Amino acid sequence: MSETSSTDVVVRPTARQVSLRFVIVAALVIADLWSKSAVFAWLQSSPLPEGMGYDDHGHHRYKICGEWFSFMLSWNPGMAWGFDRLPTWLLVGGRGGAVAFLAWLVARSSPVQRTMTAALVLILSGAAGNLYDNLCMAPRRVGACFGEVRDFLDVYFPVWDWHFPTFNVADACITVGAVLLILSSLFTPRLKPAA
């Protein structure tokens, strides 16, 4: 009989660990939705906040830190970072399917694989936050079936005269989660299934 170490066997999370994961998901989704609602309400208030102005490209921005970081209202009908090549129904359906699949993965992810679990929690949070906008915000375009995702974080690089696509907390969660998922897959040893 061969010896096995604790890292050789898949360890399932306890109910408490799973609950904690979904509490974190809920907190991140609330942070995303609250930040979008607060910033949009503030920047659309009347009168406009002092400091709102137009940049050289005609973007209506509220500068937070010099020229490089601002709040700027944007409604995105497509994917993160402004990619909108897919039909909206396919994008929203895919986002809904991804949320369900990610929730399943989060519930089953081994507690031994902390980086991968954190990545899945972040990606699920971001996908759920953006899906909320699609399903619960009123469509802005005539004939549209779904709402658009609210983005407001704007990063500008004056050296190259280039704006990074406007994003939100959900997009940041997805991006950080994707980086962690890649790192996890590169540096985490593979677990063997239990016998």
C-alpha atoms as a PDB file:
ATOM      1  CA  MET A   1       0.000   0.000   0.000  1.00  0.00           C
ATOM      2  CA  SER A   2       1.519   3.320  -1.029  1.00  0.00           C
ATOM      3  CA  GLU A   3       1.560   6.349   1.202  1.00  0.00           C
ATOM      4  CA  THR A   4      -0.362   9.448   0.157  1.00  0.00           C
ATOM      5  CA  SER A   5       0.164  12.985   1.365  1.00  0.00           C
ATOM      6  CA  SER A   6      -2.618  15.427   2.109  1.00  0.00           C
ATOM      7  CA  THR A   7      -1.967  17.159  -1.222  1.00  0.00           C
ATOM      8  CA  ASP A   8      -2.491  13.932  -3.176  1.00  0.00           C
ATOM      9  CA  VAL A   9      -6.199  13.664  -2.326  1.00  0.00           C
ATOM     10  CA  VAL A  10      -8.985  16.036  -3.334  1.00  0.00           C
ATOM     11  CA  VAL A  11     -10.359  17.660  -0.194  1.00  0.00           C
ATOM     12  CA  ARG A  12     -13.936  18.936  -0.370  1.00  0.00           C
ATOM     13  CA  PRO A  13     -14.826  22.172   1.435  1.00  0.00           C
ATOM     14  CA  THR A  14     -16.986  22.160   4.549  1.00  0.00           C
ATOM     15  CA  ALA A  15     -20.410  23.796   4.550  1.00  0.00           C
ATOM     16  CA  ARG A  16     -18.925  26.660   6.585  1.00  0.00           C
ATOM     17  CA  GLN A  17     -16.159  27.240   4.029  1.00  0.00           C
ATOM     18  CA  VAL A  18     -18.679  27.261   1.180  1.00  0.00           C
ATOM     19  CA  SER A  19     -20.919  29.684   3.081  1.00  0.00           C
ATOM     20  CA  LEU A  20     -17.980  32.019   3.701  1.00  0.00           C
ATOM     21  CA  ARG A  21     -17.106  31.982   0.002  1.00  0.00           C
ATOM     22  CA  PHE A  22     -20.614  33.017  -0.965  1.00  0.00           C
ATOM     23  CA  VAL A  23     -20.669  35.719   1.728  1.00  0.00           C
ATOM     24  CA  ILE A  24     -17.530  37.154   0.089  1.00  0.00           C
ATOM     25  CA  VAL A  25     -19.176  36.919  -3.350  1.00  0.00           C
ATOM     26  CA  ALA A  26     -22.239  38.756  -2.009  1.00  0.00           C
ATOM     27  CA  ALA A  27     -20.045  41.464  -0.404  1.00  0.00           C
ATOM     28  CA  LEU A  28     -18.140  42.041  -3.661  1.00  0.00           C
ATOM     29  CA  VAL A  29     -21.356  42.183  -5.708  1.00  0.00           C
ATOM     30  CA  ILE A  30     -22.819  44.683  -3.217  1.00  0.00           C
ATOM     31  CA  ALA A  31     -19.625  46.769  -3.422  1.00  0.00           C
ATOM     32  CA  ASP A  32     -19.863  46.753  -7.224  1.00  0.00           C
ATOM     33  CA  LEU A  33     -23.553  47.671  -7.341  1.00  0.00           C
ATOM     34  CA  TRP A  34     -23.234  50.301  -4.607  1.00  0.00           C
ATOM     35  CA  SER A  35     -20.228  51.974  -6.266  1.00  0.00           C
ATOM     36  CA  LYS A  36     -21.971  52.081  -9.645  1.00  0.00           C
ATOM     37  CA  SER A  37     -25.182  53.485  -8.171  1.00  0.00           C
ATOM     38  CA  ALA A  38     -23.387  56.054  -5.979  1.00  0.00           C
ATOM     39  CA  VAL A  39     -21.058  57.373  -8.667  1.00  0.00           C
ATOM     40  CA  PHE A  40     -23.752  57.498 -11.356  1.00  0.00           C
ATOM     41  CA  ALA A  41     -26.179  59.302  -9.030  1.00  0.00           C
ATOM     42  CA  TRP A  42     -23.495  61.772  -7.941  1.00  0.00           C
ATOM     43  CA  LEU A  43     -22.180  62.576 -11.424  1.00  0.00           C
ATOM     44  CA  GLN A  44     -25.704  62.916 -12.825  1.00  0.00           C
ATOM     45  CA  SER A  45     -26.874  65.161  -9.993  1.00  0.00           C
ATOM     46  CA  SER A  46     -27.971  68.718 -10.565  1.00  0.00           C
ATOM     47  CA  PRO A  47     -25.981  70.855 -10.388  1.00  0.00           C
ATOM     48  CA  LEU A  48     -23.049  68.789 -11.578  1.00  0.00           C
ATOM     49  CA  PRO A  49     -20.273  68.245  -9.038  1.00  0.00           C
ATOM     50  CA  GLU A  50     -17.657  70.967  -9.053  1.00  0.00           C
ATOM     51  CA  GLY A  51     -14.653  69.632 -10.945  1.00  0.00           C
ATOM     52  CA  MET A  52     -16.586  67.941 -13.764  1.00  0.00           C
ATOM     53  CA  GLY A  53     -15.173  68.917 -17.105  1.00  0.00           C
ATOM     54  CA  TYR A  54     -14.401  67.806 -20.616  1.00  0.00           C
ATOM     55  CA  ASP A  55     -10.983  66.554 -21.637  1.00  0.00           C
ATOM     56  CA  ASP A  56      -9.331  67.104 -25.031  1.00  0.00           C
ATOM     57  CA  HIS A  57     -11.218  64.097 -26.441  1.00  0.00           C
ATOM     58  CA  GLY A  58     -14.651  65.327 -25.359  1.00  0.00           C
ATOM     59  CA  HIS A  59     -14.958  62.910 -22.441  1.00  0.00           C
ATOM     60  CA  HIS A  60     -16.959  64.282 -19.523  1.00  0.00           C
ATOM     61  CA  ARG A  61     -14.740  63.376 -16.552  1.00  0.00           C
ATOM     62  CA  TYR A  62     -14.361  64.058 -12.847  1.00  0.00           C
ATOM     63  CA  LYS A  63     -10.655  64.001 -12.024  1.00  0.00           C
ATOM     64  CA  ILE A  64      -9.694  62.004  -8.943  1.00  0.00           C
ATOM     65  CA  CYS A  65      -5.910  61.888  -9.274  1.00  0.00           C
ATOM     66  CA  GLY A  66      -4.420  64.278 -11.825  1.00  0.00           C
ATOM     67  CA  GLU A  67      -5.037  63.492 -15.479  1.00  0.00           C
ATOM     68  CA  TRP A  68      -4.521  59.774 -15.180  1.00  0.00           C
ATOM     69  CA  PHE A  69      -7.460  58.636 -12.983  1.00  0.00           C
ATOM     70  CA  SER A  70     -11.033  59.916 -13.182  1.00  0.00           C
ATOM     71  CA  PHE A  71     -14.674  58.983 -12.886  1.00  0.00           C
ATOM     72  CA  MET A  72     -16.427  58.962 -16.258  1.00  0.00           C
ATOM     73  CA  LEU A  73     -19.924  57.598 -16.882  1.00  0.00           C
ATOM     74  CA  SER A  74     -20.171  54.946 -19.544  1.00  0.00           C
ATOM     75  CA  TRP A  75     -22.853  52.410 -20.479  1.00  0.00           C
ATOM     76  CA  ASN A  76     -21.394  49.267 -21.994  1.00  0.00           C
ATOM     77  CA  PRO A  77     -23.667  46.971 -24.029  1.00  0.00           C
ATOM     78  CA  GLY A  78     -20.836  44.471 -24.543  1.00  0.00           C
ATOM     79  CA  MET A  79     -18.213  42.617 -22.545  1.00  0.00           C
ATOM     80  CA  ALA A  80     -15.563  43.912 -20.172  1.00  0.00           C
ATOM     81  CA  TRP A  81     -13.176  46.545 -21.515  1.00  0.00           C
ATOM     82  CA  GLY A  82     -15.596  47.631 -24.235  1.00  0.00           C
ATOM     83  CA  PHE A  83     -15.606  44.500 -26.379  1.00  0.00           C
ATOM     84  CA  ASP A  84     -19.057  44.347 -27.983  1.00  0.00           C
ATOM     85  CA  ARG A  85     -18.762  42.034 -30.963  1.00  0.00           C
ATOM     86  CA  LEU A  86     -21.193  39.383 -29.674  1.00  0.00           C
ATOM     87  CA  PRO A  87     -24.988  39.694 -29.967  1.00  0.00           C
ATOM     88  CA  THR A  88     -26.366  40.939 -26.631  1.00  0.00           C
ATOM     89  CA  TRP A  89     -28.636  37.916 -26.103  1.00  0.00           C
ATOM     90  CA  LEU A  90     -25.640  35.590 -26.529  1.00  0.00           C
ATOM     91  CA  LEU A  91     -23.494  37.675 -24.203  1.00  0.00           C
ATOM     92  CA  VAL A  92     -26.147  37.829 -21.467  1.00  0.00           C
ATOM     93  CA  GLY A  93     -26.986  34.133 -21.854  1.00  0.00           C
ATOM     94  CA  GLY A  94     -23.303  33.271 -21.670  1.00  0.00           C
ATOM     95  CA  ARG A  95     -22.872  35.483 -18.628  1.00  0.00           C
ATOM     96  CA  GLY A  96     -25.828  33.748 -16.928  1.00  0.00           C
ATOM     97  CA  GLY A  97     -24.415  30.323 -17.737  1.00  0.00           C
ATOM     98  CA  ALA A  98     -20.999  31.399 -16.493  1.00  0.00           C
ATOM     99  CA  VAL A  99     -22.467  32.604 -13.194  1.00  0.00           C
ATOM    100  CA  ALA A 100     -24.204  29.236 -12.640  1.00  0.00           C
ATOM    101  CA  PHE A 101     -21.083  27.243 -13.568  1.00  0.00           C
ATOM    102  CA  LEU A 102     -18.779  29.440 -11.471  1.00  0.00           C
ATOM    103  CA  ALA A 103     -21.110  29.111  -8.471  1.00  0.00           C
ATOM    104  CA  TRP A 104     -20.871  25.332  -8.819  1.00  0.00           C
ATOM    105  CA  LEU A 105     -17.056  25.531  -9.027  1.00  0.00           C
ATOM    106  CA  VAL A 106     -16.865  27.853  -6.008  1.00  0.00           C
ATOM    107  CA  ALA A 107     -18.969  25.418  -3.981  1.00  0.00           C
ATOM    108  CA  ARG A 108     -16.760  22.454  -4.911  1.00  0.00           C
ATOM    109  CA  SER A 109     -13.287  24.033  -5.040  1.00  0.00           C
ATOM    110  CA  SER A 110     -10.786  22.349  -2.738  1.00  0.00           C
ATOM    111  CA  PRO A 111      -9.773  24.423   0.301  1.00  0.00           C
ATOM    112  CA  VAL A 112      -6.209  23.259  -0.356  1.00  0.00           C
ATOM    113  CA  GLN A 113      -6.197  25.308  -3.580  1.00  0.00           C
ATOM    114  CA  ARG A 114      -6.632  28.727  -1.994  1.00  0.00           C
ATOM    115  CA  THR A 115      -5.423  30.786  -4.960  1.00  0.00           C
ATOM    116  CA  MET A 116      -7.745  29.033  -7.388  1.00  0.00           C
ATOM    117  CA  THR A 117     -10.662  29.371  -4.970  1.00  0.00           C
ATOM    118  CA  ALA A 118      -9.981  33.105  -4.544  1.00  0.00           C
ATOM    119  CA  ALA A 119      -9.818  33.460  -8.336  1.00  0.00           C
ATOM    120  CA  LEU A 120     -13.166  31.710  -8.804  1.00  0.00           C
ATOM    121  CA  VAL A 121     -14.789  33.849  -6.083  1.00  0.00           C
ATOM    122  CA  LEU A 122     -13.548  37.041  -7.778  1.00  0.00           C
ATOM    123  CA  ILE A 123     -14.629  35.993 -11.274  1.00  0.00           C
ATOM    124  CA  LEU A 124     -18.059  34.884 -10.013  1.00  0.00           C
ATOM    125  CA  SER A 125     -18.510  38.205  -8.189  1.00  0.00           C
ATOM    126  CA  GLY A 126     -17.642  40.221 -11.278  1.00  0.00           C
ATOM    127  CA  ALA A 127     -19.823  38.180 -13.604  1.00  0.00           C
ATOM    128  CA  ALA A 128     -22.777  38.422 -11.199  1.00  0.00           C
ATOM    129  CA  GLY A 129     -22.370  42.193 -10.783  1.00  0.00           C
ATOM    130  CA  ASN A 130     -22.397  42.787 -14.539  1.00  0.00           C
ATOM    131  CA  LEU A 131     -25.236  40.297 -15.077  1.00  0.00           C
ATOM    132  CA  TYR A 132     -27.313  42.284 -12.581  1.00  0.00           C
ATOM    133  CA  ASP A 133     -26.976  45.373 -14.798  1.00  0.00           C
ATOM    134  CA  ASN A 134     -28.014  43.366 -17.872  1.00  0.00           C
ATOM    135  CA  LEU A 135     -31.104  41.935 -16.192  1.00  0.00           C
ATOM    136  CA  CYS A 136     -32.200  44.729 -13.834  1.00  0.00           C
ATOM    137  CA  MET A 137     -31.280  48.024 -15.498  1.00  0.00           C
ATOM    138  CA  ALA A 138     -33.715  49.479 -18.012  1.00  0.00           C
ATOM    139  CA  PRO A 139     -32.542  49.145 -21.640  1.00  0.00           C
ATOM    140  CA  ARG A 140     -31.182  52.449 -22.971  1.00  0.00           C
ATOM    141  CA  ARG A 141     -31.475  51.661 -26.669  1.00  0.00           C
ATOM    142  CA  VAL A 142     -34.681  51.379 -28.655  1.00  0.00           C
ATOM    143  CA  GLY A 143     -35.503  47.714 -29.232  1.00  0.00           C
ATOM    144  CA  ALA A 144     -32.910  46.469 -26.736  1.00  0.00           C
ATOM    145  CA  CYS A 145     -33.940  43.616 -24.450  1.00  0.00           C
ATOM    146  CA  PHE A 146     -31.252  44.007 -21.804  1.00  0.00           C
ATOM    147  CA  GLY A 147     -29.738  46.776 -19.742  1.00  0.00           C
ATOM    148  CA  GLU A 148     -26.197  47.955 -20.278  1.00  0.00           C
ATOM    149  CA  VAL A 149     -23.366  47.549 -17.787  1.00  0.00           C
ATOM    150  CA  ARG A 150     -22.477  50.726 -15.895  1.00  0.00           C
ATOM    151  CA  ASP A 151     -18.767  51.600 -16.036  1.00  0.00           C
ATOM    152  CA  PHE A 152     -17.153  54.605 -14.358  1.00  0.00           C
ATOM    153  CA  LEU A 153     -13.456  54.037 -13.608  1.00  0.00           C
ATOM    154  CA  ASP A 154     -11.341  55.791 -16.226  1.00  0.00           C
ATOM    155  CA  VAL A 155      -7.562  55.537 -16.533  1.00  0.00           C
ATOM    156  CA  TYR A 156      -5.764  57.837 -18.963  1.00  0.00           C
ATOM    157  CA  PHE A 157      -2.116  57.639 -20.027  1.00  0.00           C
ATOM    158  CA  PRO A 158      -1.112  61.168 -21.142  1.00  0.00           C
ATOM    159  CA  VAL A 159       2.280  59.952 -22.385  1.00  0.00           C
ATOM    160  CA  TRP A 160       0.541  57.938 -25.127  1.00  0.00           C
ATOM    161  CA  ASP A 161      -2.647  60.052 -25.206  1.00  0.00           C
ATOM    162  CA  TRP A 162      -4.600  56.831 -24.571  1.00  0.00           C
ATOM    163  CA  HIS A 163      -7.639  55.992 -22.440  1.00  0.00           C
ATOM    164  CA  PHE A 164      -7.855  52.500 -20.994  1.00  0.00           C
ATOM    165  CA  PRO A 165     -11.418  51.224 -21.565  1.00  0.00           C
ATOM    166  CA  THR A 166     -13.687  52.488 -18.778  1.00  0.00           C
ATOM    167  CA  PHE A 167     -14.439  49.744 -16.259  1.00  0.00           C
ATOM    168  CA  ASN A 168     -16.106  49.028 -12.903  1.00  0.00           C
ATOM    169  CA  VAL A 169     -15.462  47.038  -9.727  1.00  0.00           C
ATOM    170  CA  ALA A 170     -16.936  43.895 -11.338  1.00  0.00           C
ATOM    171  CA  ASP A 171     -14.501  44.146 -14.271  1.00  0.00           C
ATOM    172  CA  ALA A 172     -11.619  44.611 -11.826  1.00  0.00           C
ATOM    173  CA  CYS A 173     -12.716  41.478  -9.931  1.00  0.00           C
ATOM    174  CA  ILE A 174     -12.864  39.478 -13.168  1.00  0.00           C
ATOM    175  CA  THR A 175      -9.416  40.669 -14.260  1.00  0.00           C
ATOM    176  CA  VAL A 176      -7.699  40.030 -10.934  1.00  0.00           C
ATOM    177  CA  GLY A 177      -9.469  36.672 -10.713  1.00  0.00           C
ATOM    178  CA  ALA A 178      -8.319  35.699 -14.216  1.00  0.00           C
ATOM    179  CA  VAL A 179      -4.702  36.578 -13.352  1.00  0.00           C
ATOM    180  CA  LEU A 180      -4.932  34.530 -10.136  1.00  0.00           C
ATOM    181  CA  LEU A 181      -6.485  31.628 -12.052  1.00  0.00           C
ATOM    182  CA  ILE A 182      -3.589  31.629 -14.530  1.00  0.00           C
ATOM    183  CA  LEU A 183      -1.034  31.810 -11.718  1.00  0.00           C
ATOM    184  CA  SER A 184      -2.840  29.046  -9.863  1.00  0.00           C
ATOM    185  CA  SER A 185      -2.816  26.765 -12.895  1.00  0.00           C
ATOM    186  CA  LEU A 186       0.882  27.420 -13.478  1.00  0.00           C
ATOM    187  CA  PHE A 187       2.156  27.004  -9.934  1.00  0.00           C
ATOM    188  CA  THR A 188      -0.264  24.693  -8.098  1.00  0.00           C
ATOM    189  CA  PRO A 189       0.507  20.960  -8.179  1.00  0.00           C
ATOM    190  CA  ARG A 190      -2.304  18.836  -9.580  1.00  0.00           C
ATOM    191  CA  LEU A 191      -4.422  16.943  -7.060  1.00  0.00           C
ATOM    192  CA  LYS A 192      -5.133  13.263  -7.508  1.00  0.00           C
ATOM    193  CA  PRO A 193      -8.730  12.081  -7.097  1.00  0.00           C
ATOM    194  CA  ALA A 194      -9.544  10.185  -3.943  1.00  0.00           C
ATOM    195  CA  ALA A 195      -9.382   6.403  -4.303  1.00  0.00           C
END
